[in-house]
Amino acid sequence: MSQVEGARVFREAWIEGVHRHFPGEPKPGYVTPWEDTPQWEREAAGAVYEQVRQFIQVSDSNTSKLSREQKGRFVATCWTAQMFKHFENPKPGYVADWTDLPAWQQETDADIFEVIEKS
């Protein structure tokens, strides 16, 4: 799978997770379709997809034994690194520690990992 295809898988999993876990109506930016997603965000999604894919591969697919929290933390950490890559001074919410993320975002990050595991 190409990095662009992986980025799309990541973005689609994010949107599905937001629709599933976000309490109420999500901000439009949370569910922006791929075609309207900013370039930096496409690049970040592709990079995180690839990091998760490689982690699964070098673990001989034993990541299935990780808890949902461990999977979600991994996605969140990879995303945070991308925010520092793309922004000199990212918004605090973009780089919040796992324990400071809302429950809906933690669940969405875990969903993303599991979608990548299955892809």
C-alpha atoms as a PDB file:
ATOM      1  CA  MET A   1       0.000   0.000   0.000  1.00  0.00           C
ATOM      2  CA  SER A   2       1.346   3.418  -0.909  1.00  0.00           C
ATOM      3  CA  GLN A   3       1.803   6.142   1.683  1.00  0.00           C
ATOM      4  CA  VAL A   4      -1.080   8.088   0.127  1.00  0.00           C
ATOM      5  CA  GLU A   5      -3.343   5.041   0.372  1.00  0.00           C
ATOM      6  CA  GLY A   6      -2.208   4.530   3.970  1.00  0.00           C
ATOM      7  CA  ALA A   7      -2.914   8.165   4.758  1.00  0.00           C
ATOM      8  CA  ARG A   8      -6.422   7.760   3.392  1.00  0.00           C
ATOM      9  CA  VAL A   9      -6.959   4.639   5.513  1.00  0.00           C
ATOM     10  CA  PHE A  10      -5.815   6.634   8.549  1.00  0.00           C
ATOM     11  CA  ARG A  11      -8.089   9.604   7.722  1.00  0.00           C
ATOM     12  CA  GLU A  12     -11.116   7.414   7.050  1.00  0.00           C
ATOM     13  CA  ALA A  13     -10.555   5.546  10.336  1.00  0.00           C
ATOM     14  CA  TRP A  14     -10.277   8.903  12.129  1.00  0.00           C
ATOM     15  CA  ILE A  15     -13.561  10.140  10.648  1.00  0.00           C
ATOM     16  CA  GLU A  16     -15.347   6.875  11.452  1.00  0.00           C
ATOM     17  CA  GLY A  17     -14.009   7.001  15.008  1.00  0.00           C
ATOM     18  CA  VAL A  18     -15.087  10.611  15.479  1.00  0.00           C
ATOM     19  CA  HIS A  19     -18.596   9.762  14.286  1.00  0.00           C
ATOM     20  CA  ARG A  20     -18.672   6.759  16.632  1.00  0.00           C
ATOM     21  CA  HIS A  21     -17.168   8.289  19.777  1.00  0.00           C
ATOM     22  CA  PHE A  22     -17.543  12.081  19.696  1.00  0.00           C
ATOM     23  CA  PRO A  23     -20.286  13.287  22.035  1.00  0.00           C
ATOM     24  CA  GLY A  24     -22.657  15.426  19.999  1.00  0.00           C
ATOM     25  CA  GLU A  25     -21.870  17.113  16.703  1.00  0.00           C
ATOM     26  CA  PRO A  26     -18.123  17.119  15.856  1.00  0.00           C
ATOM     27  CA  LYS A  27     -16.368  20.212  14.562  1.00  0.00           C
ATOM     28  CA  PRO A  28     -16.359  20.256  10.739  1.00  0.00           C
ATOM     29  CA  GLY A  29     -12.537  20.054  10.706  1.00  0.00           C
ATOM     30  CA  TYR A  30     -12.706  16.728  12.540  1.00  0.00           C
ATOM     31  CA  VAL A  31     -14.639  15.116   9.705  1.00  0.00           C
ATOM     32  CA  THR A  32     -13.297  16.964   6.666  1.00  0.00           C
ATOM     33  CA  PRO A  33     -13.257  14.586   3.695  1.00  0.00           C
ATOM     34  CA  TRP A  34      -9.923  13.513   2.243  1.00  0.00           C
ATOM     35  CA  GLU A  35     -10.224  15.775  -0.770  1.00  0.00           C
ATOM     36  CA  ASP A  36     -10.395  18.846   1.518  1.00  0.00           C
ATOM     37  CA  THR A  37      -7.812  17.709   4.072  1.00  0.00           C
ATOM     38  CA  PRO A  38      -4.799  20.073   4.249  1.00  0.00           C
ATOM     39  CA  GLN A  39      -1.526  18.763   2.808  1.00  0.00           C
ATOM     40  CA  TRP A  40       0.296  18.818   6.175  1.00  0.00           C
ATOM     41  CA  GLU A  41      -2.459  16.662   7.662  1.00  0.00           C
ATOM     42  CA  ARG A  42      -2.324  14.216   4.747  1.00  0.00           C
ATOM     43  CA  GLU A  43       1.451  13.906   5.233  1.00  0.00           C
ATOM     44  CA  ALA A  44       1.076  13.428   8.987  1.00  0.00           C
ATOM     45  CA  ALA A  45      -1.627  10.782   8.490  1.00  0.00           C
ATOM     46  CA  GLY A  46       0.585   8.913   6.030  1.00  0.00           C
ATOM     47  CA  ALA A  47       3.567   9.027   8.370  1.00  0.00           C
ATOM     48  CA  VAL A  48       1.573   7.738  11.345  1.00  0.00           C
ATOM     49  CA  TYR A  49      -0.014   5.024   9.232  1.00  0.00           C
ATOM     50  CA  GLU A  50       3.455   3.908   8.183  1.00  0.00           C
ATOM     51  CA  GLN A  51       4.793   3.994  11.760  1.00  0.00           C
ATOM     52  CA  VAL A  52       1.930   1.823  12.986  1.00  0.00           C
ATOM     53  CA  ARG A  53       2.280  -0.550  10.010  1.00  0.00           C
ATOM     54  CA  GLN A  54       6.002  -0.971  10.643  1.00  0.00           C
ATOM     55  CA  PHE A  55       5.420  -1.481  14.377  1.00  0.00           C
ATOM     56  CA  ILE A  56       2.941  -4.254  13.589  1.00  0.00           C
ATOM     57  CA  GLN A  57       5.357  -5.810  11.093  1.00  0.00           C
ATOM     58  CA  VAL A  58       8.439  -5.788  13.332  1.00  0.00           C
ATOM     59  CA  SER A  59       6.292  -7.239  16.141  1.00  0.00           C
ATOM     60  CA  ASP A  60       5.359 -10.192  13.907  1.00  0.00           C
ATOM     61  CA  SER A  61       1.721  -9.083  14.262  1.00  0.00           C
ATOM     62  CA  ASN A  62       1.816  -9.676  18.009  1.00  0.00           C
ATOM     63  CA  THR A  63       0.377  -6.195  18.495  1.00  0.00           C
ATOM     64  CA  SER A  64      -2.996  -7.952  18.649  1.00  0.00           C
ATOM     65  CA  LYS A  65      -2.023  -8.781  22.240  1.00  0.00           C
ATOM     66  CA  LEU A  66      -1.749  -5.103  23.182  1.00  0.00           C
ATOM     67  CA  SER A  67      -4.588  -3.435  25.041  1.00  0.00           C
ATOM     68  CA  ARG A  68      -6.722  -0.818  23.287  1.00  0.00           C
ATOM     69  CA  GLU A  69      -5.095   1.792  25.495  1.00  0.00           C
ATOM     70  CA  GLN A  70      -1.591   0.727  24.428  1.00  0.00           C
ATOM     71  CA  LYS A  71      -2.637   0.861  20.780  1.00  0.00           C
ATOM     72  CA  GLY A  72      -4.237   4.265  21.174  1.00  0.00           C
ATOM     73  CA  ARG A  73      -1.243   5.650  23.069  1.00  0.00           C
ATOM     74  CA  PHE A  74       1.037   4.578  20.237  1.00  0.00           C
ATOM     75  CA  VAL A  75      -1.069   6.381  17.631  1.00  0.00           C
ATOM     76  CA  ALA A  76      -1.312   9.478  19.843  1.00  0.00           C
ATOM     77  CA  THR A  77       2.458   9.588  20.399  1.00  0.00           C
ATOM     78  CA  CYS A  78       3.188   9.204  16.694  1.00  0.00           C
ATOM     79  CA  TRP A  79       0.672  11.955  15.910  1.00  0.00           C
ATOM     80  CA  THR A  80       2.234  14.278  18.500  1.00  0.00           C
ATOM     81  CA  ALA A  81       5.644  13.851  16.888  1.00  0.00           C
ATOM     82  CA  GLN A  82       4.112  14.795  13.533  1.00  0.00           C
ATOM     83  CA  MET A  83       2.607  17.939  15.041  1.00  0.00           C
ATOM     84  CA  PHE A  84       6.058  19.016  16.216  1.00  0.00           C
ATOM     85  CA  LYS A  85       7.371  18.246  12.731  1.00  0.00           C
ATOM     86  CA  HIS A  86       4.753  20.331  10.932  1.00  0.00           C
ATOM     87  CA  PHE A  87       4.315  23.220  13.394  1.00  0.00           C
ATOM     88  CA  GLU A  88       6.931  25.266  15.216  1.00  0.00           C
ATOM     89  CA  ASN A  89       4.504  25.998  18.054  1.00  0.00           C
ATOM     90  CA  PRO A  90       1.584  23.559  17.773  1.00  0.00           C
ATOM     91  CA  LYS A  91      -1.644  24.211  19.636  1.00  0.00           C
ATOM     92  CA  PRO A  92      -1.589  22.543  23.077  1.00  0.00           C
ATOM     93  CA  GLY A  93      -4.483  20.307  22.069  1.00  0.00           C
ATOM     94  CA  TYR A  94      -2.450  18.964  19.132  1.00  0.00           C
ATOM     95  CA  VAL A  95       0.325  17.756  21.451  1.00  0.00           C
ATOM     96  CA  ALA A  96      -1.591  16.865  24.604  1.00  0.00           C
ATOM     97  CA  ASP A  97      -0.410  13.862  26.583  1.00  0.00           C
ATOM     98  CA  TRP A  98      -2.564  10.729  26.436  1.00  0.00           C
ATOM     99  CA  THR A  99      -4.064  11.319  29.877  1.00  0.00           C
ATOM    100  CA  ASP A 100      -5.152  14.810  28.804  1.00  0.00           C
ATOM    101  CA  LEU A 101      -6.946  13.655  25.651  1.00  0.00           C
ATOM    102  CA  PRO A 102     -10.731  13.376  25.768  1.00  0.00           C
ATOM    103  CA  ALA A 103     -12.094   9.838  25.942  1.00  0.00           C
ATOM    104  CA  TRP A 104     -13.565  10.090  22.426  1.00  0.00           C
ATOM    105  CA  GLN A 105     -10.115  10.856  21.006  1.00  0.00           C
ATOM    106  CA  GLN A 106      -8.471   8.031  22.947  1.00  0.00           C
ATOM    107  CA  GLU A 107     -11.055   5.594  21.575  1.00  0.00           C
ATOM    108  CA  THR A 108     -10.653   6.964  18.054  1.00  0.00           C
ATOM    109  CA  ASP A 109      -6.861   6.556  18.228  1.00  0.00           C
ATOM    110  CA  ALA A 110      -7.286   2.944  19.347  1.00  0.00           C
ATOM    111  CA  ASP A 111      -9.741   2.371  16.486  1.00  0.00           C
ATOM    112  CA  ILE A 112      -7.176   3.759  14.028  1.00  0.00           C
ATOM    113  CA  PHE A 113      -4.537   1.281  15.234  1.00  0.00           C
ATOM    114  CA  GLU A 114      -6.963  -1.619  14.908  1.00  0.00           C
ATOM    115  CA  VAL A 115      -8.037  -0.572  11.394  1.00  0.00           C
ATOM    116  CA  ILE A 116      -4.367  -0.503  10.361  1.00  0.00           C
ATOM    117  CA  GLU A 117      -3.841  -3.922  11.971  1.00  0.00           C
ATOM    118  CA  LYS A 118      -6.620  -5.318   9.789  1.00  0.00           C
ATOM    119  CA  SER A 119      -5.504  -3.612   6.578  1.00  0.00           C
END
